[in-house]
């Protein structure tokens, strides 16, 4: 086994960063064991379960047609759901 001093993507050593994420990309971080489309739908249901979060995301510019979450929207999501 080769060990490196730098963590690789997907390891627990990598801190979570609030950056722009595609909807499926962020959903898969929370639900890694299902398909991207299923993760995106389930994640949207999680958000809908928190009406205050859905309201804040809508106020921040998120629409049903948005393809990505902005860093500010990711911070809102993490503040309610926790880090993935």
PDB file of N, CA and C in Angstrom:
ATOM      1  N   UNK A   1       0.841  -1.172   0.000  1.00  0.00           N
ATOM      2  CA  UNK A   1       0.000   0.000   0.000  1.00  0.00           C
ATOM      3  C   UNK A   1       0.884   1.233   0.000  1.00  0.00           C
ATOM      4  N   UNK A   2       0.582   2.165  -0.913  1.00  0.00           N
ATOM      5  CA  UNK A   2       1.341   3.397  -1.019  1.00  0.00           C
ATOM      6  C   UNK A   2       0.589   4.490  -0.279  1.00  0.00           C
ATOM      7  N   UNK A   3       1.270   5.174   0.602  1.00  0.00           N
ATOM      8  CA  UNK A   3       0.657   6.288   1.333  1.00  0.00           C
ATOM      9  C   UNK A   3       1.205   7.585   0.791  1.00  0.00           C
ATOM     10  N   UNK A   4       0.319   8.564   0.663  1.00  0.00           N
ATOM     11  CA  UNK A   4       0.754   9.887   0.238  1.00  0.00           C
ATOM     12  C   UNK A   4       0.419  10.873   1.338  1.00  0.00           C
ATOM     13  N   UNK A   5       1.066  11.994   1.324  1.00  0.00           N
ATOM     14  CA  UNK A   5       0.800  12.997   2.341  1.00  0.00           C
ATOM     15  C   UNK A   5      -0.432  13.828   2.006  1.00  0.00           C
ATOM     16  N   UNK A   6      -0.868  13.797   0.733  1.00  0.00           N
ATOM     17  CA  UNK A   6      -2.032  14.569   0.329  1.00  0.00           C
ATOM     18  C   UNK A   6      -3.251  13.661   0.260  1.00  0.00           C
ATOM     19  N   UNK A   7      -4.380  14.096   0.844  1.00  0.00           N
ATOM     20  CA  UNK A   7      -5.591  13.294   0.743  1.00  0.00           C
ATOM     21  C   UNK A   7      -6.125  13.320  -0.682  1.00  0.00           C
ATOM     22  N   UNK A   8      -6.787  12.257  -1.071  1.00  0.00           N
ATOM     23  CA  UNK A   8      -7.380  12.200  -2.398  1.00  0.00           C
ATOM     24  C   UNK A   8      -8.860  12.500  -2.292  1.00  0.00           C
ATOM     25  N   UNK A   9      -9.460  12.900  -3.396  1.00  0.00           N
ATOM     26  CA  UNK A   9     -10.890  13.216  -3.404  1.00  0.00           C
ATOM     27  C   UNK A   9     -11.679  11.993  -2.956  1.00  0.00           C
ATOM     28  N   UNK A  10     -12.691  12.241  -2.147  1.00  0.00           N
ATOM     29  CA  UNK A  10     -13.532  11.150  -1.682  1.00  0.00           C
ATOM     30  C   UNK A  10     -13.088  10.541  -0.369  1.00  0.00           C
ATOM     31  N   UNK A  11     -12.001  11.007   0.203  1.00  0.00           N
ATOM     32  CA  UNK A  11     -11.579  10.476   1.494  1.00  0.00           C
ATOM     33  C   UNK A  11     -12.122  11.353   2.603  1.00  0.00           C
ATOM     34  N   UNK A  12     -12.146  10.823   3.791  1.00  0.00           N
ATOM     35  CA  UNK A  12     -12.630  11.575   4.937  1.00  0.00           C
ATOM     36  C   UNK A  12     -11.664  12.670   5.350  1.00  0.00           C
ATOM     37  N   UNK A  13     -10.446  12.627   4.822  1.00  0.00           N
ATOM     38  CA  UNK A  13      -9.449  13.634   5.162  1.00  0.00           C
ATOM     39  C   UNK A  13      -9.730  14.974   4.483  1.00  0.00           C
ATOM     40  N   UNK A  14     -10.542  14.959   3.459  1.00  0.00           N
ATOM     41  CA  UNK A  14     -10.822  16.182   2.713  1.00  0.00           C
ATOM     42  C   UNK A  14     -11.926  16.966   3.422  1.00  0.00           C
ATOM     43  N   UNK A  15     -11.658  18.209   3.809  1.00  0.00           N
ATOM     44  CA  UNK A  15     -12.717  19.006   4.431  1.00  0.00           C
ATOM     45  C   UNK A  15     -13.756  19.398   3.384  1.00  0.00           C
ATOM     46  N   UNK A  16     -14.990  19.532   3.825  1.00  0.00           N
ATOM     47  CA  UNK A  16     -16.060  19.949   2.916  1.00  0.00           C
ATOM     48  C   UNK A  16     -15.888  21.426   2.597  1.00  0.00           C
ATOM     49  N   UNK A  17     -16.046  21.766   1.327  1.00  0.00           N
ATOM     50  CA  UNK A  17     -15.912  23.146   0.882  1.00  0.00           C
ATOM     51  C   UNK A  17     -17.234  23.618   0.299  1.00  0.00           C
ATOM     52  N   UNK A  18     -17.692  24.793   0.746  1.00  0.00           N
ATOM     53  CA  UNK A  18     -18.896  25.392   0.179  1.00  0.00           C
ATOM     54  C   UNK A  18     -18.499  26.092  -1.110  1.00  0.00           C
ATOM     55  N   UNK A  19     -18.668  25.409  -2.209  1.00  0.00           N
ATOM     56  CA  UNK A  19     -18.379  25.942  -3.534  1.00  0.00           C
ATOM     57  C   UNK A  19     -19.594  25.659  -4.399  1.00  0.00           C
ATOM     58  N   UNK A  20     -19.563  26.022  -5.631  1.00  0.00           N
ATOM     59  CA  UNK A  20     -20.655  25.718  -6.539  1.00  0.00           C
ATOM     60  C   UNK A  20     -20.664  24.217  -6.829  1.00  0.00           C
ATOM     61  N   UNK A  21     -21.833  23.600  -6.697  1.00  0.00           N
ATOM     62  CA  UNK A  21     -21.986  22.166  -6.968  1.00  0.00           C
ATOM     63  C   UNK A  21     -23.163  21.966  -7.909  1.00  0.00           C
ATOM     64  N   UNK A  22     -23.044  21.023  -8.833  1.00  0.00           N
ATOM     65  CA  UNK A  22     -24.194  20.593  -9.609  1.00  0.00           C
ATOM     66  C   UNK A  22     -25.190  19.940  -8.659  1.00  0.00           C
ATOM     67  N   UNK A  23     -26.464  19.991  -8.994  1.00  0.00           N
ATOM     68  CA  UNK A  23     -27.479  19.436  -8.093  1.00  0.00           C
ATOM     69  C   UNK A  23     -27.231  17.953  -7.812  1.00  0.00           C
ATOM     70  N   UNK A  24     -26.971  17.173  -8.845  1.00  0.00           N
ATOM     71  CA  UNK A  24     -26.717  15.744  -8.647  1.00  0.00           C
ATOM     72  C   UNK A  24     -25.398  15.524  -7.907  1.00  0.00           C
ATOM     73  N   UNK A  25     -24.407  16.348  -8.192  1.00  0.00           N
ATOM     74  CA  UNK A  25     -23.104  16.221  -7.534  1.00  0.00           C
ATOM     75  C   UNK A  25     -23.239  16.369  -6.021  1.00  0.00           C
ATOM     76  N   UNK A  26     -23.958  17.397  -5.562  1.00  0.00           N
ATOM     77  CA  UNK A  26     -24.135  17.596  -4.127  1.00  0.00           C
ATOM     78  C   UNK A  26     -25.022  16.505  -3.543  1.00  0.00           C
ATOM     79  N   UNK A  27     -26.071  16.145  -4.255  1.00  0.00           N
ATOM     80  CA  UNK A  27     -26.968  15.088  -3.777  1.00  0.00           C
ATOM     81  C   UNK A  27     -26.203  13.782  -3.571  1.00  0.00           C
ATOM     82  N   UNK A  28     -25.297  13.470  -4.477  1.00  0.00           N
ATOM     83  CA  UNK A  28     -24.511  12.231  -4.357  1.00  0.00           C
ATOM     84  C   UNK A  28     -23.556  12.261  -3.166  1.00  0.00           C
ATOM     85  N   UNK A  29     -23.189  13.438  -2.722  1.00  0.00           N
ATOM     86  CA  UNK A  29     -22.338  13.518  -1.530  1.00  0.00           C
ATOM     87  C   UNK A  29     -23.133  13.096  -0.293  1.00  0.00           C
ATOM     88  N   UNK A  30     -24.438  13.367  -0.283  1.00  0.00           N
ATOM     89  CA  UNK A  30     -25.302  12.969   0.820  1.00  0.00           C
ATOM     90  C   UNK A  30     -25.828  11.540   0.636  1.00  0.00           C
ATOM     91  N   UNK A  31     -26.026  11.126  -0.603  1.00  0.00           N
ATOM     92  CA  UNK A  31     -26.617   9.822  -0.914  1.00  0.00           C
ATOM     93  C   UNK A  31     -25.734   9.086  -1.924  1.00  0.00           C
ATOM     94  N   UNK A  32     -24.561   8.635  -1.501  1.00  0.00           N
ATOM     95  CA  UNK A  32     -23.589   8.102  -2.463  1.00  0.00           C
ATOM     96  C   UNK A  32     -23.909   6.720  -3.030  1.00  0.00           C
ATOM     97  N   UNK A  33     -24.865   6.020  -2.474  1.00  0.00           N
ATOM     98  CA  UNK A  33     -25.078   4.633  -2.897  1.00  0.00           C
ATOM     99  C   UNK A  33     -26.271   4.448  -3.826  1.00  0.00           C
ATOM    100  N   UNK A  34     -26.757   5.554  -4.416  1.00  0.00           N
ATOM    101  CA  UNK A  34     -27.846   5.442  -5.376  1.00  0.00           C
ATOM    102  C   UNK A  34     -27.468   6.207  -6.644  1.00  0.00           C
ATOM    103  N   UNK A  35     -28.261   6.043  -7.675  1.00  0.00           N
ATOM    104  CA  UNK A  35     -27.934   6.681  -8.954  1.00  0.00           C
ATOM    105  C   UNK A  35     -28.043   8.204  -8.840  1.00  0.00           C
ATOM    106  N   UNK A  36     -27.352   8.930  -9.701  1.00  0.00           N
ATOM    107  CA  UNK A  36     -27.405  10.392  -9.634  1.00  0.00           C
ATOM    108  C   UNK A  36     -28.822  10.958  -9.738  1.00  0.00           C
ATOM    109  N   UNK A  37     -29.634  10.431 -10.647  1.00  0.00           N
ATOM    110  CA  UNK A  37     -30.985  10.985 -10.786  1.00  0.00           C
ATOM    111  C   UNK A  37     -31.836  10.675  -9.554  1.00  0.00           C
ATOM    112  N   UNK A  38     -31.682   9.494  -8.987  1.00  0.00           N
ATOM    113  CA  UNK A  38     -32.420   9.155  -7.760  1.00  0.00           C
ATOM    114  C   UNK A  38     -31.936   9.998  -6.589  1.00  0.00           C
ATOM    115  N   UNK A  39     -30.637  10.226  -6.516  1.00  0.00           N
ATOM    116  CA  UNK A  39     -30.080  11.049  -5.443  1.00  0.00           C
ATOM    117  C   UNK A  39     -30.600  12.474  -5.547  1.00  0.00           C
ATOM    118  N   UNK A  40     -30.655  13.004  -6.759  1.00  0.00           N
ATOM    119  CA  UNK A  40     -31.142  14.370  -6.959  1.00  0.00           C
ATOM    120  C   UNK A  40     -32.604  14.499  -6.539  1.00  0.00           C
ATOM    121  N   UNK A  41     -33.429  13.524  -6.907  1.00  0.00           N
ATOM    122  CA  UNK A  41     -34.850  13.559  -6.522  1.00  0.00           C
ATOM    123  C   UNK A  41     -35.012  13.428  -5.010  1.00  0.00           C
ATOM    124  N   UNK A  42     -34.295  12.477  -4.401  1.00  0.00           N
ATOM    125  CA  UNK A  42     -34.395  12.269  -2.950  1.00  0.00           C
ATOM    126  C   UNK A  42     -33.891  13.500  -2.195  1.00  0.00           C
ATOM    127  N   UNK A  43     -32.826  14.100  -2.682  1.00  0.00           N
ATOM    128  CA  UNK A  43     -32.260  15.284  -2.033  1.00  0.00           C
ATOM    129  C   UNK A  43     -33.245  16.449  -2.101  1.00  0.00           C
ATOM    130  N   UNK A  44     -33.912  16.581  -3.232  1.00  0.00           N
ATOM    131  CA  UNK A  44     -34.930  17.623  -3.370  1.00  0.00           C
ATOM    132  C   UNK A  44     -36.062  17.395  -2.361  1.00  0.00           C
ATOM    133  N   UNK A  45     -36.421  16.145  -2.124  1.00  0.00           N
ATOM    134  CA  UNK A  45     -37.442  15.828  -1.121  1.00  0.00           C
ATOM    135  C   UNK A  45     -36.962  16.201   0.280  1.00  0.00           C
ATOM    136  N   UNK A  46     -35.678  15.976   0.557  1.00  0.00           N
ATOM    137  CA  UNK A  46     -35.126  16.373   1.857  1.00  0.00           C
ATOM    138  C   UNK A  46     -35.268  17.880   2.038  1.00  0.00           C
ATOM    139  N   UNK A  47     -34.957  18.626   0.987  1.00  0.00           N
ATOM    140  CA  UNK A  47     -35.060  20.082   1.059  1.00  0.00           C
ATOM    141  C   UNK A  47     -36.521  20.491   1.256  1.00  0.00           C
ATOM    142  N   UNK A  48     -37.434  19.831   0.538  1.00  0.00           N
ATOM    143  CA  UNK A  48     -38.861  20.148   0.673  1.00  0.00           C
ATOM    144  C   UNK A  48     -39.376  19.833   2.077  1.00  0.00           C
ATOM    145  N   UNK A  49     -38.739  18.896   2.769  1.00  0.00           N
ATOM    146  CA  UNK A  49     -39.127  18.548   4.134  1.00  0.00           C
ATOM    147  C   UNK A  49     -38.851  19.706   5.103  1.00  0.00           C
ATOM    148  N   UNK A  50     -37.980  20.613   4.693  1.00  0.00           N
ATOM    149  CA  UNK A  50     -37.624  21.798   5.487  1.00  0.00           C
ATOM    150  C   UNK A  50     -38.108  23.036   4.734  1.00  0.00           C
ATOM    151  N   UNK A  51     -39.390  23.420   4.922  1.00  0.00           N
ATOM    152  CA  UNK A  51     -39.941  24.545   4.150  1.00  0.00           C
ATOM    153  C   UNK A  51     -39.134  25.833   4.297  1.00  0.00           C
ATOM    154  N   UNK A  52     -38.559  26.060   5.475  1.00  0.00           N
ATOM    155  CA  UNK A  52     -37.770  27.278   5.649  1.00  0.00           C
ATOM    156  C   UNK A  52     -36.524  27.250   4.770  1.00  0.00           C
ATOM    157  N   UNK A  53     -35.945  26.074   4.585  1.00  0.00           N
ATOM    158  CA  UNK A  53     -34.779  25.937   3.709  1.00  0.00           C
ATOM    159  C   UNK A  53     -35.195  26.181   2.266  1.00  0.00           C
ATOM    160  N   UNK A  54     -36.296  25.580   1.834  1.00  0.00           N
ATOM    161  CA  UNK A  54     -36.777  25.783   0.458  1.00  0.00           C
ATOM    162  C   UNK A  54     -37.032  27.275   0.219  1.00  0.00           C
ATOM    163  N   UNK A  55     -37.631  27.949   1.184  1.00  0.00           N
ATOM    164  CA  UNK A  55     -37.911  29.385   1.057  1.00  0.00           C
ATOM    165  C   UNK A  55     -36.607  30.186   0.927  1.00  0.00           C
ATOM    166  N   UNK A  56     -35.620  29.887   1.782  1.00  0.00           N
ATOM    167  CA  UNK A  56     -34.335  30.591   1.719  1.00  0.00           C
ATOM    168  C   UNK A  56     -33.631  30.353   0.383  1.00  0.00           C
ATOM    169  N   UNK A  57     -33.693  29.119  -0.112  1.00  0.00           N
ATOM    170  CA  UNK A  57     -33.050  28.806  -1.391  1.00  0.00           C
ATOM    171  C   UNK A  57     -33.746  29.539  -2.542  1.00  0.00           C
ATOM    172  N   UNK A  58     -35.075  29.595  -2.494  1.00  0.00           N
ATOM    173  CA  UNK A  58     -35.823  30.316  -3.527  1.00  0.00           C
ATOM    174  C   UNK A  58     -35.475  31.799  -3.484  1.00  0.00           C
ATOM    175  N   UNK A  59     -35.415  32.360  -2.270  1.00  0.00           N
ATOM    176  CA  UNK A  59     -35.042  33.779  -2.129  1.00  0.00           C
ATOM    177  C   UNK A  59     -33.631  34.051  -2.640  1.00  0.00           C
ATOM    178  N   UNK A  60     -32.762  33.037  -2.584  1.00  0.00           N
ATOM    179  CA  UNK A  60     -31.382  33.215  -3.045  1.00  0.00           C
ATOM    180  C   UNK A  60     -31.241  33.042  -4.555  1.00  0.00           C
ATOM    181  N   UNK A  61     -32.361  32.752  -5.237  1.00  0.00           N
ATOM    182  CA  UNK A  61     -32.320  32.650  -6.690  1.00  0.00           C
ATOM    183  C   UNK A  61     -32.468  31.250  -7.245  1.00  0.00           C
ATOM    184  N   UNK A  62     -32.611  30.236  -6.410  1.00  0.00           N
ATOM    185  CA  UNK A  62     -32.760  28.864  -6.901  1.00  0.00           C
ATOM    186  C   UNK A  62     -34.135  28.705  -7.546  1.00  0.00           C
ATOM    187  N   UNK A  63     -34.159  28.120  -8.728  1.00  0.00           N
ATOM    188  CA  UNK A  63     -35.408  27.831  -9.425  1.00  0.00           C
ATOM    189  C   UNK A  63     -35.443  26.342  -9.755  1.00  0.00           C
ATOM    190  N   UNK A  64     -36.598  25.821 -10.144  1.00  0.00           N
ATOM    191  CA  UNK A  64     -36.653  24.405 -10.555  1.00  0.00           C
ATOM    192  C   UNK A  64     -35.756  24.112 -11.758  1.00  0.00           C
ATOM    193  N   UNK A  65     -35.387  25.144 -12.506  1.00  0.00           N
ATOM    194  CA  UNK A  65     -34.550  24.957 -13.690  1.00  0.00           C
ATOM    195  C   UNK A  65     -33.062  25.156 -13.423  1.00  0.00           C
ATOM    196  N   UNK A  66     -32.712  25.560 -12.207  1.00  0.00           N
ATOM    197  CA  UNK A  66     -31.296  25.741 -11.855  1.00  0.00           C
ATOM    198  C   UNK A  66     -30.577  24.408 -11.946  1.00  0.00           C
ATOM    199  N   UNK A  67     -29.397  24.438 -12.508  1.00  0.00           N
ATOM    200  CA  UNK A  67     -28.583  23.218 -12.646  1.00  0.00           C
ATOM    201  C   UNK A  67     -27.570  23.075 -11.520  1.00  0.00           C
ATOM    202  N   UNK A  68     -27.253  24.207 -10.867  1.00  0.00           N
ATOM    203  CA  UNK A  68     -26.197  24.211  -9.852  1.00  0.00           C
ATOM    204  C   UNK A  68     -26.658  24.964  -8.613  1.00  0.00           C
ATOM    205  N   UNK A  69     -26.050  24.595  -7.490  1.00  0.00           N
ATOM    206  CA  UNK A  69     -26.203  25.369  -6.261  1.00  0.00           C
ATOM    207  C   UNK A  69     -25.011  26.317  -6.174  1.00  0.00           C
ATOM    208  N   UNK A  70     -25.271  27.571  -5.810  1.00  0.00           N
ATOM    209  CA  UNK A  70     -24.192  28.532  -5.612  1.00  0.00           C
ATOM    210  C   UNK A  70     -23.531  28.245  -4.261  1.00  0.00           C
ATOM    211  N   UNK A  71     -22.339  28.786  -4.016  1.00  0.00           N
ATOM    212  CA  UNK A  71     -21.714  28.599  -2.703  1.00  0.00           C
ATOM    213  C   UNK A  71     -22.614  29.072  -1.552  1.00  0.00           C
ATOM    214  N   UNK A  72     -23.326  30.179  -1.747  1.00  0.00           N
ATOM    215  CA  UNK A  72     -24.231  30.679  -0.701  1.00  0.00           C
ATOM    216  C   UNK A  72     -25.370  29.692  -0.456  1.00  0.00           C
ATOM    217  N   UNK A  73     -25.895  29.096  -1.518  1.00  0.00           N
ATOM    218  CA  UNK A  73     -26.964  28.111  -1.371  1.00  0.00           C
ATOM    219  C   UNK A  73     -26.452  26.847  -0.687  1.00  0.00           C
ATOM    220  N   UNK A  74     -25.241  26.446  -1.007  1.00  0.00           N
ATOM    221  CA  UNK A  74     -24.639  25.273  -0.356  1.00  0.00           C
ATOM    222  C   UNK A  74     -24.495  25.538   1.146  1.00  0.00           C
ATOM    223  N   UNK A  75     -24.071  26.749   1.513  1.00  0.00           N
ATOM    224  CA  UNK A  75     -23.953  27.079   2.934  1.00  0.00           C
ATOM    225  C   UNK A  75     -25.314  26.999   3.633  1.00  0.00           C
ATOM    226  N   UNK A  76     -26.372  27.454   2.962  1.00  0.00           N
ATOM    227  CA  UNK A  76     -27.718  27.346   3.537  1.00  0.00           C
ATOM    228  C   UNK A  76     -28.108  25.887   3.748  1.00  0.00           C
ATOM    229  N   UNK A  77     -27.850  25.062   2.750  1.00  0.00           N
ATOM    230  CA  UNK A  77     -28.182  23.636   2.842  1.00  0.00           C
ATOM    231  C   UNK A  77     -27.436  22.981   3.984  1.00  0.00           C
ATOM    232  N   UNK A  78     -26.138  23.242   4.078  1.00  0.00           N
ATOM    233  CA  UNK A  78     -25.320  22.642   5.135  1.00  0.00           C
ATOM    234  C   UNK A  78     -25.744  23.152   6.522  1.00  0.00           C
ATOM    235  N   UNK A  79     -26.211  24.384   6.595  1.00  0.00           N
ATOM    236  CA  UNK A  79     -26.641  24.908   7.893  1.00  0.00           C
ATOM    237  C   UNK A  79     -27.864  24.171   8.418  1.00  0.00           C
ATOM    238  N   UNK A  80     -28.675  23.612   7.510  1.00  0.00           N
ATOM    239  CA  UNK A  80     -29.869  22.876   7.937  1.00  0.00           C
ATOM    240  C   UNK A  80     -29.626  21.370   7.968  1.00  0.00           C
ATOM    241  N   UNK A  81     -28.992  20.817   6.933  1.00  0.00           N
ATOM    242  CA  UNK A  81     -28.818  19.365   6.823  1.00  0.00           C
ATOM    243  C   UNK A  81     -27.502  18.854   7.396  1.00  0.00           C
ATOM    244  N   UNK A  82     -26.565  19.751   7.666  1.00  0.00           N
ATOM    245  CA  UNK A  82     -25.249  19.334   8.112  1.00  0.00           C
ATOM    246  C   UNK A  82     -24.369  19.031   6.905  1.00  0.00           C
ATOM    247  N   UNK A  83     -23.104  18.795   7.179  1.00  0.00           N
ATOM    248  CA  UNK A  83     -22.167  18.463   6.101  1.00  0.00           C
ATOM    249  C   UNK A  83     -22.420  17.055   5.610  1.00  0.00           C
ATOM    250  N   UNK A  84     -22.215  16.840   4.309  1.00  0.00           N
ATOM    251  CA  UNK A  84     -22.395  15.479   3.775  1.00  0.00           C
ATOM    252  C   UNK A  84     -21.345  14.526   4.313  1.00  0.00           C
TER     253      UNK A  84
END
